[in-house]
Protein backbone atom coordinates (compact mmCIF):
# COMPACT_ATOMS: atom_id res chain seq x y z
CA MET A 1 -81.27 -8.90 6.49
CA ASN A 2 -78.13 -6.88 7.25
CA LYS A 3 -76.34 -10.07 8.24
CA ARG A 4 -77.20 -11.64 4.88
CA TYR A 5 -75.80 -8.62 2.97
CA THR A 6 -72.64 -8.79 5.06
CA ILE A 7 -72.08 -12.45 4.19
CA ILE A 8 -72.62 -11.76 0.49
CA PHE A 9 -70.17 -8.83 0.64
CA ILE A 10 -67.50 -10.99 2.25
CA ILE A 11 -68.01 -13.73 -0.37
CA LEU A 12 -67.60 -11.18 -3.17
CA ILE A 13 -64.37 -9.89 -1.63
CA LEU A 14 -62.93 -13.40 -1.31
CA ALA A 15 -63.92 -14.23 -4.87
CA GLY A 16 -62.27 -11.08 -6.18
CA PHE A 17 -59.09 -11.81 -4.21
CA LEU A 18 -58.97 -15.38 -5.51
CA SER A 19 -59.46 -14.18 -9.07
CA TRP A 20 -56.62 -11.67 -8.65
CA GLN A 21 -54.27 -14.41 -7.36
CA ILE A 22 -55.10 -16.65 -10.33
CA TYR A 23 -54.45 -13.75 -12.70
CA GLN A 24 -51.10 -13.02 -11.04
CA ARG A 25 -50.07 -16.66 -11.30
CA PHE A 26 -50.83 -16.85 -15.02
CA SER A 27 -49.09 -13.50 -15.61
CA ALA A 28 -45.94 -14.74 -13.83
CA ASP A 29 -45.90 -17.94 -15.88
CA GLU A 30 -46.22 -15.96 -19.09
CA LYS A 31 -43.15 -13.90 -18.21
CA HIS A 32 -41.00 -17.05 -18.32
CA SER A 33 -42.28 -18.34 -21.60
CA VAL A 34 -42.26 -16.98 -25.10
CA PRO A 35 -45.50 -17.31 -27.01
CA GLN A 36 -45.52 -19.28 -30.21
CA ARG A 37 -45.13 -17.04 -33.19
CA VAL A 38 -46.09 -17.63 -36.78
CA GLY A 39 -43.76 -16.81 -39.69
CA THR A 40 -40.05 -16.06 -39.84
CA VAL A 41 -38.04 -13.69 -37.69
CA ALA A 42 -35.33 -11.47 -39.13
CA VAL A 43 -32.17 -11.84 -37.04
CA GLU A 44 -28.49 -10.93 -36.98
CA VAL A 45 -25.95 -13.62 -36.27
CA SER A 46 -22.31 -13.91 -35.22
CA GLN A 47 -19.82 -16.71 -35.64
CA ILE A 48 -18.71 -18.82 -32.70
CA LYS A 49 -14.93 -18.74 -32.49
CA LYS A 50 -11.93 -20.30 -30.74
CA THR A 51 -9.55 -17.91 -29.04
CA THR A 52 -7.70 -17.09 -25.83
CA ILE A 53 -9.79 -15.45 -23.13
CA ARG A 54 -8.56 -13.97 -19.89
CA ASN A 55 -10.16 -13.16 -16.56
CA VAL A 56 -8.62 -9.85 -15.54
CA GLU A 57 -9.93 -7.91 -12.56
CA VAL A 58 -9.16 -4.21 -12.13
CA PHE A 59 -8.73 -2.64 -8.69
CA THR A 60 -8.15 1.01 -7.87
CA GLY A 61 -5.65 2.22 -5.33
CA THR A 62 -3.16 4.87 -4.27
CA LEU A 63 0.63 5.05 -4.53
CA LEU A 64 2.75 5.45 -1.41
CA PRO A 65 6.53 6.01 -1.22
CA LYS A 66 8.70 3.04 -0.32
CA SER A 67 9.88 5.03 2.70
CA GLN A 68 9.28 8.52 4.02
CA PHE A 69 10.59 10.46 7.00
CA ILE A 70 10.57 13.99 8.37
CA ALA A 71 13.86 15.84 8.88
CA ALA A 72 13.63 17.78 12.15
CA PRO A 73 16.04 19.29 14.70
CA LYS A 74 16.72 17.48 17.96
CA ILE A 75 17.14 20.78 19.81
CA ALA A 76 15.41 24.15 19.85
CA GLY A 77 16.87 27.11 18.00
CA ARG A 78 16.56 29.58 15.15
CA LEU A 79 16.81 28.13 11.64
CA GLU A 80 19.73 30.06 10.22
CA LYS A 81 19.90 28.39 6.81
CA ILE A 82 17.99 25.76 4.83
CA LEU A 83 19.97 24.18 2.01
CA VAL A 84 17.33 22.15 0.13
CA ASN A 85 13.92 22.75 -1.43
CA ILE A 86 11.01 20.76 -2.85
CA GLY A 87 12.12 18.32 -5.54
CA ASP A 88 15.84 18.46 -4.67
CA ARG A 89 17.77 15.20 -4.61
CA VAL A 90 19.60 14.47 -1.36
CA LYS A 91 22.21 11.87 -0.45
CA ARG A 92 22.59 10.02 2.81
CA GLY A 93 24.33 12.26 5.35
CA GLN A 94 23.84 15.43 3.28
CA LEU A 95 23.49 18.69 5.21
CA ILE A 96 20.02 20.16 4.74
CA GLY A 97 19.81 22.90 7.40
CA LEU A 98 21.74 24.89 10.01
CA LEU A 99 20.57 26.26 13.37
CA ASP A 100 22.08 29.29 15.11
CA ASP A 101 24.96 27.70 17.08
CA ASP A 102 26.45 30.60 19.13
CA GLU A 103 25.04 29.32 22.41
CA TYR A 104 26.21 25.76 21.77
CA VAL A 105 29.71 26.88 20.73
CA GLN A 106 29.94 28.76 24.03
CA GLN A 107 28.88 25.65 25.93
CA VAL A 108 31.62 23.63 24.22
CA GLU A 109 34.26 26.26 25.12
CA GLN A 110 33.08 26.35 28.73
CA ALA A 111 33.15 22.56 29.00
CA GLN A 112 36.64 22.54 27.48
CA ALA A 113 37.87 25.08 30.07
CA GLU A 114 36.36 23.11 32.95
CA LEU A 115 38.08 19.98 31.67
CA GLU A 116 41.43 21.76 31.67
CA VAL A 117 40.87 22.89 35.28
CA ALA A 118 40.03 19.33 36.26
CA ALA A 119 43.18 18.05 34.55
CA ALA A 120 45.26 20.59 36.48
CA ASN A 121 43.68 19.42 39.73
CA VAL A 122 44.70 15.87 38.85
CA GLU A 123 48.34 16.96 38.49
CA GLU A 124 48.20 18.78 41.82
CA ALA A 125 46.66 15.75 43.51
CA ARG A 126 49.27 13.44 41.96
CA SER A 127 52.11 15.63 43.28
CA ALA A 128 50.62 15.75 46.79
CA LEU A 129 50.10 11.97 46.70
CA ASN A 130 53.73 11.35 45.78
CA LEU A 131 54.87 13.54 48.67
CA ALA A 132 52.51 11.80 51.11
CA ARG A 133 53.71 8.38 49.87
CA ARG A 134 57.37 9.25 50.56
CA GLU A 135 56.50 10.55 54.05
CA PHE A 136 54.54 7.41 54.79
CA GLU A 137 57.35 5.10 53.60
CA ARG A 138 59.91 7.05 55.69
CA ALA A 139 57.67 6.90 58.76
CA LYS A 140 57.16 3.21 58.15
CA ALA A 141 60.93 2.58 58.05
CA LEU A 142 61.57 4.66 61.20
CA ARG A 143 58.73 2.94 63.02
CA ALA A 144 60.36 -0.39 62.29
CA LYS A 145 63.45 0.92 64.12
CA GLU A 146 61.16 2.41 66.80
CA VAL A 147 62.53 5.89 66.03
CA VAL A 148 59.05 7.45 65.61
CA SER A 149 56.05 6.93 67.79
CA VAL A 150 52.90 5.09 66.82
CA SER A 151 50.94 8.34 66.63
CA GLU A 152 53.41 9.90 64.22
CA PHE A 153 53.23 6.79 62.03
CA ASP A 154 49.43 6.92 62.05
CA VAL A 155 49.45 10.57 60.98
CA ALA A 156 51.74 9.82 58.01
CA GLU A 157 49.55 6.88 56.97
CA SER A 158 46.38 8.97 57.25
CA GLN A 159 47.82 11.75 55.11
CA TYR A 160 48.88 9.25 52.46
CA LYS A 161 45.41 7.69 52.24
CA SER A 162 43.79 11.13 52.17
CA GLN A 163 45.91 12.24 49.22
CA GLU A 164 45.20 8.96 47.47
CA ALA A 165 41.46 9.62 47.81
CA LYS A 166 41.86 13.20 46.58
CA GLN A 167 43.59 11.95 43.45
CA LYS A 168 40.70 9.58 42.75
CA VAL A 169 38.28 12.47 43.15
CA ALA A 170 40.36 14.58 40.75
CA LEU A 171 40.42 11.78 38.18
CA ALA A 172 36.64 11.35 38.49
CA GLN A 173 36.17 15.07 37.95
CA VAL A 174 38.23 14.82 34.76
CA ALA A 175 35.99 11.99 33.51
CA GLN A 176 32.93 14.07 34.41
CA LYS A 177 34.21 17.13 32.57
CA GLU A 178 35.09 14.99 29.55
CA ALA A 179 31.47 13.75 29.50
CA PHE A 180 30.22 17.33 29.76
CA LEU A 181 32.46 18.33 26.86
CA LYS A 182 31.26 15.39 24.79
CA ALA A 183 27.62 16.27 25.49
CA ALA A 184 28.26 19.91 24.56
CA LYS A 185 29.84 18.81 21.27
CA VAL A 186 26.87 16.52 20.56
CA ARG A 187 24.46 19.40 21.16
CA LEU A 188 26.57 21.55 18.87
CA SER A 189 26.39 18.85 16.19
CA TYR A 190 22.59 18.93 16.47
CA THR A 191 22.69 22.43 14.97
CA ARG A 192 23.66 20.70 11.72
CA ILE A 193 20.53 18.94 10.41
CA GLU A 194 21.38 16.09 8.06
CA ALA A 195 19.42 13.67 5.90
CA SER A 196 20.15 10.36 7.54
CA TRP A 197 18.78 6.87 6.84
CA GLN A 198 20.05 3.33 7.28
CA ASP A 199 19.22 1.32 4.15
CA GLY A 200 20.52 2.04 0.67
CA ASP A 201 22.93 4.59 -0.75
CA GLU A 202 20.63 5.83 -3.52
CA SER A 203 19.67 9.48 -3.39
CA ARG A 204 16.19 10.47 -2.28
CA VAL A 205 14.00 13.47 -2.97
CA VAL A 206 12.56 16.30 -0.88
CA GLY A 207 8.77 15.97 -0.90
CA GLU A 208 7.62 18.91 1.25
CA ARG A 209 9.13 21.97 2.92
CA PHE A 210 7.47 23.13 6.12
CA VAL A 211 9.49 26.19 7.31
CA ASP A 212 11.61 29.06 6.04
CA GLU A 213 14.92 30.49 7.17
CA GLY A 214 14.71 32.53 10.36
CA ALA A 215 11.93 30.44 11.91
CA MET A 216 12.19 29.66 15.63
CA LEU A 217 11.95 25.91 16.00
CA LYS A 218 11.26 23.63 18.91
CA ALA A 219 12.78 20.18 19.13
CA ASN A 220 11.24 17.84 16.52
CA ASP A 221 9.54 20.63 14.54
CA PRO A 222 9.42 19.39 10.90
CA ILE A 223 11.65 21.07 8.33
CA VAL A 224 11.31 18.91 5.19
CA SER A 225 10.03 15.46 4.28
CA ILE A 226 12.34 13.10 2.41
CA LEU A 227 10.98 10.32 0.17
CA ASP A 228 12.36 7.20 -1.46
CA ILE A 229 10.51 6.81 -4.77
CA HIS A 230 12.80 4.45 -6.67
CA SER A 231 10.09 1.90 -5.99
CA LEU A 232 6.57 2.61 -4.75
CA THR A 233 3.82 0.76 -2.94
CA ALA A 234 0.34 0.56 -4.42
CA VAL A 235 -2.29 0.12 -1.72
CA PHE A 236 -5.77 -1.13 -2.60
CA ASN A 237 -8.62 -2.94 -0.86
CA VAL A 238 -10.45 -6.06 -1.98
CA ILE A 239 -13.78 -7.55 -0.97
CA GLU A 240 -14.24 -11.07 0.37
CA ARG A 241 -14.91 -12.56 -3.06
CA ASP A 242 -11.46 -11.52 -4.31
CA TYR A 243 -9.52 -11.74 -1.03
CA ALA A 244 -8.79 -15.47 -1.30
CA ARG A 245 -7.31 -14.98 -4.79
CA MET A 246 -4.69 -12.49 -3.59
CA THR A 247 -1.37 -14.30 -3.22
CA LYS A 248 2.06 -12.97 -2.42
CA GLY A 249 4.27 -12.79 -5.51
CA HIS A 250 1.39 -12.45 -7.99
CA VAL A 251 2.49 -10.15 -10.84
CA ALA A 252 0.13 -7.44 -12.10
CA VAL A 253 0.03 -4.55 -14.56
CA VAL A 254 -0.42 -1.03 -13.20
CA THR A 255 -1.73 1.97 -15.13
CA THR A 256 -2.40 5.57 -14.20
CA ASP A 257 -4.18 8.52 -15.81
CA ALA A 258 -0.99 10.59 -15.59
CA PHE A 259 0.69 8.32 -18.18
CA PRO A 260 -2.12 6.71 -20.17
CA ASN A 261 0.21 5.14 -22.74
CA LYS A 262 2.54 3.50 -20.22
CA THR A 263 2.24 0.38 -18.10
CA PHE A 264 4.19 -0.55 -15.00
CA THR A 265 4.88 -3.91 -13.42
CA GLY A 266 3.94 -4.65 -9.84
CA THR A 267 4.17 -7.64 -7.50
CA ILE A 268 1.90 -8.33 -4.55
CA ALA A 269 4.16 -8.02 -1.50
CA ARG A 270 1.75 -8.10 1.44
CA VAL A 271 -1.83 -9.20 2.06
CA ALA A 272 -3.41 -8.12 5.34
CA PRO A 273 -4.42 -11.11 7.51
CA LEU A 274 -7.80 -9.52 8.29
CA LEU A 275 -10.72 -7.75 6.67
CA LYS A 276 -11.91 -4.48 8.15
CA GLU A 277 -15.25 -5.14 9.79
CA ALA A 278 -16.81 -1.84 8.71
CA ALA A 279 -16.19 -2.30 4.97
CA ARG A 280 -15.52 -6.06 4.80
CA GLN A 281 -12.40 -5.33 2.78
CA GLY A 282 -8.79 -6.45 3.11
CA ARG A 283 -5.70 -4.34 2.46
CA VAL A 284 -3.29 -5.45 -0.27
CA GLU A 285 0.12 -3.85 -0.87
CA MET A 286 1.98 -4.19 -4.16
CA ASP A 287 5.60 -3.21 -4.85
CA ILE A 288 6.03 -1.31 -8.13
CA LEU A 289 9.29 -0.52 -9.88
CA ASN A 290 9.53 3.13 -10.88
CA PRO A 291 11.97 3.50 -13.77
CA GLY A 292 12.70 7.12 -14.53
CA LEU A 293 10.86 8.11 -11.33
CA LEU A 294 7.73 8.83 -13.38
CA LEU A 295 5.29 7.64 -10.74
CA LYS A 296 4.74 9.85 -7.72
CA PRO A 297 3.29 9.15 -4.28
CA GLY A 298 -0.40 10.01 -4.06
CA MET A 299 -1.20 9.09 -7.67
CA PHE A 300 -4.41 7.20 -8.41
CA VAL A 301 -3.64 3.84 -10.08
CA ARG A 302 -5.48 0.90 -11.57
CA VAL A 303 -4.12 -2.55 -10.80
CA HIS A 304 -4.89 -5.17 -13.46
CA ILE A 305 -4.59 -8.69 -12.05
CA GLU A 306 -5.01 -11.72 -14.30
CA PHE A 307 -6.64 -14.57 -12.37
CA ALA A 308 -7.27 -17.00 -15.25
CA LYS A 309 -6.30 -17.58 -18.87
CA HIS A 310 -7.99 -20.15 -21.10
CA GLU A 311 -6.46 -20.87 -24.47
CA ASP A 312 -8.41 -22.27 -27.42
CA ALA A 313 -11.67 -21.47 -25.62
CA THR A 314 -15.04 -21.42 -27.33
CA VAL A 315 -16.39 -17.86 -27.11
CA ILE A 316 -19.62 -16.16 -28.14
CA PRO A 317 -20.83 -12.56 -27.99
CA VAL A 318 -22.34 -11.71 -24.60
CA ARG A 319 -25.40 -10.24 -26.30
CA SER A 320 -26.23 -13.65 -27.78
CA LEU A 321 -27.05 -14.98 -24.30
CA THR A 322 -30.75 -15.22 -23.44
CA LYS A 323 -33.04 -17.16 -21.10
CA ARG A 324 -35.80 -19.63 -21.78
CA ASN A 325 -37.64 -21.41 -18.98
CA ARG A 326 -35.13 -20.00 -16.51
CA GLN A 327 -32.21 -21.56 -18.42
CA GLU A 328 -29.40 -19.48 -19.88
CA GLY A 329 -28.48 -20.36 -23.41
CA VAL A 330 -28.12 -19.25 -27.03
CA PHE A 331 -29.99 -19.73 -30.30
CA LEU A 332 -27.79 -21.76 -32.59
CA VAL A 333 -28.42 -21.16 -36.30
CA ASP A 334 -28.98 -24.01 -38.74
CA ILE A 335 -27.84 -22.42 -41.98
CA GLN A 336 -29.36 -25.13 -44.19
CA THR A 337 -32.89 -25.12 -42.75
CA LYS A 338 -32.74 -21.48 -41.62
CA ARG A 339 -34.07 -22.28 -38.20
CA ALA A 340 -32.82 -21.36 -34.71
CA ARG A 341 -32.40 -23.99 -32.02
CA PHE A 342 -32.18 -23.03 -28.33
CA ILE A 343 -29.11 -24.57 -26.66
CA PRO A 344 -28.60 -24.23 -22.86
CA VAL A 345 -24.97 -23.34 -22.12
CA THR A 346 -22.62 -23.14 -19.15
CA VAL A 347 -20.76 -19.82 -19.18
CA GLY A 348 -17.18 -19.50 -17.96
CA ILE A 349 -15.09 -16.33 -18.20
CA VAL A 350 -16.94 -13.20 -19.29
CA SER A 351 -14.50 -10.79 -20.92
CA GLY A 352 -15.89 -7.53 -22.18
CA GLU A 353 -18.19 -8.32 -25.14
CA TRP A 354 -17.28 -12.01 -25.17
CA ALA A 355 -18.26 -14.97 -23.01
CA GLU A 356 -16.65 -18.39 -22.76
CA VAL A 357 -18.86 -21.43 -23.31
CA VAL A 358 -17.66 -24.23 -21.04
CA ALA A 359 -20.34 -26.71 -22.14
CA PRO A 360 -21.58 -27.99 -24.51
CA SER A 361 -19.20 -27.87 -27.48
CA LEU A 362 -20.53 -25.36 -30.03
CA SER A 363 -19.66 -24.27 -33.55
CA GLY A 364 -21.34 -22.28 -36.28
CA PHE A 365 -23.37 -19.13 -35.76
CA VAL A 366 -25.49 -17.77 -32.90
CA VAL A 367 -28.23 -15.15 -32.97
CA ILE A 368 -27.18 -11.80 -31.52
CA VAL A 369 -30.19 -9.63 -32.49
CA GLY A 370 -33.81 -10.78 -32.51
CA GLN A 371 -33.53 -13.76 -30.12
CA GLN A 372 -36.23 -12.30 -27.87
CA LEU A 373 -38.73 -13.13 -30.64
CA LEU A 374 -37.58 -16.73 -31.11
CA ASP A 375 -38.72 -20.12 -29.89
CA ASP A 376 -36.79 -23.36 -30.16
CA GLY A 377 -37.05 -24.28 -33.82
CA SER A 378 -38.31 -20.90 -35.04
CA ALA A 379 -37.81 -20.02 -38.68
CA ILE A 380 -35.43 -17.14 -39.25
CA THR A 381 -34.39 -14.79 -42.00
CA LEU A 382 -30.62 -14.37 -42.26
CA PRO A 383 -28.81 -11.26 -43.47
CA GLU A 384 -28.00 -11.25 -47.16
CA LYS A 385 -24.27 -11.30 -46.39
CA ARG A 386 -23.11 -14.01 -43.99
CA PRO A 387 -20.83 -12.73 -41.19
CA ALA A 388 -17.18 -13.02 -42.10
CA VAL A 389 -14.75 -14.97 -40.00
CA LEU A 390 -13.01 -12.65 -37.55
CA SER A 391 -9.55 -11.44 -38.49
CA SER A 392 -6.39 -12.58 -36.74
CA GLU A 393 -6.12 -9.28 -34.89
CA GLU A 394 -9.30 -10.23 -32.98
CA SER A 395 -8.06 -13.68 -31.99
CA THR A 396 -7.22 -12.75 -28.40
CA THR A 397 -9.77 -11.47 -25.89
CA SER A 398 -8.97 -9.80 -22.58
CA ARG A 399 -11.30 -8.49 -19.94
CA GLN A 400 -12.49 -4.90 -20.17
CA PRO A 401 -11.60 -2.87 -17.05
CA SER A 402 -14.27 -3.09 -14.40
CA SER A 403 -12.96 -0.78 -11.73
CA ARG A 404 -13.44 -1.64 -8.10
CA LYS A 405 -13.02 1.51 -6.08
CA ASN A 406 -11.65 1.54 -2.57
CA ARG A 407 -14.06 2.41 0.13
């Protein structure tokens, strides 16, 4: 008896599950179809128009200076004076700081004195060499006449060669002392910290100041940073979908919140040959001219890049697009019969509130409000006043910014 009840219970469960599946199937089918409706539907319509439409992508990035370096001393010492401050303009070779140089001046004077001693030793060695040369030549002549012995001749020759070697040593000491003096002068010059760069004679600007006068500095301790901002580099990252469209030399428009009413021109200068594995993004660098030095490093910018421009394109409002039987299309209005006909369309560029219709060729009016209540061929009620043709000021459409933030 219990076995019989068990079988009946299982059958009931299976029947319920099957009924639920059938219900789900019919519910899903109903979602993709619009039930037939009786009567007319009040709608709003908009005119299909011909215009120019652009595909403009907007990327966000950061500005970097064209070049930047840190001015720092090559030697240790006390900063006696700093001659520039934040925002000051500096020229190539301009003096920007002085270290206490007493110790290095003393080293130069000592090296100079040692050089003079070495030069005096050279004169002494030269005099002794001349004397030894005359003695050797006299002994050589007397030996030829066998007036002096071989041993006396050998002594004269040995003295001559010894003095010759001493003169070479004295000359080498002079060269050594000259090198010491030169090194001392170089170290003394290091107490004068200058703004030095290789390319360009245009002035640059002090970006940061790191120390004050009187500070004890080690070699390479930063004093100020110096920036070249006559042109800047905008750095932004792009995902794989946009990476292939980034080409060197592509011109773009750059905007920033700091100057909302101004635009700047930039050119893609470098595209990284790899995408970072963590973010799947590639680095793009764009050179931007900076007239008037308005733009500053560190500013947040938006880069507007136009990838496509279609002239005389057929465009419709985006809100006129709808789906029927999994097909995207629009309801085209027949003004004479006051009925709406569903037309599947192929969409091209989507620019803000407008979408390009690539196919088929359309003209007339499309439904923009109420299409969710329509079937193909549904009767409609039009507004009392037919939509006017758009003015000439609305004849060009460009993409609304759709920021893509760096990760």
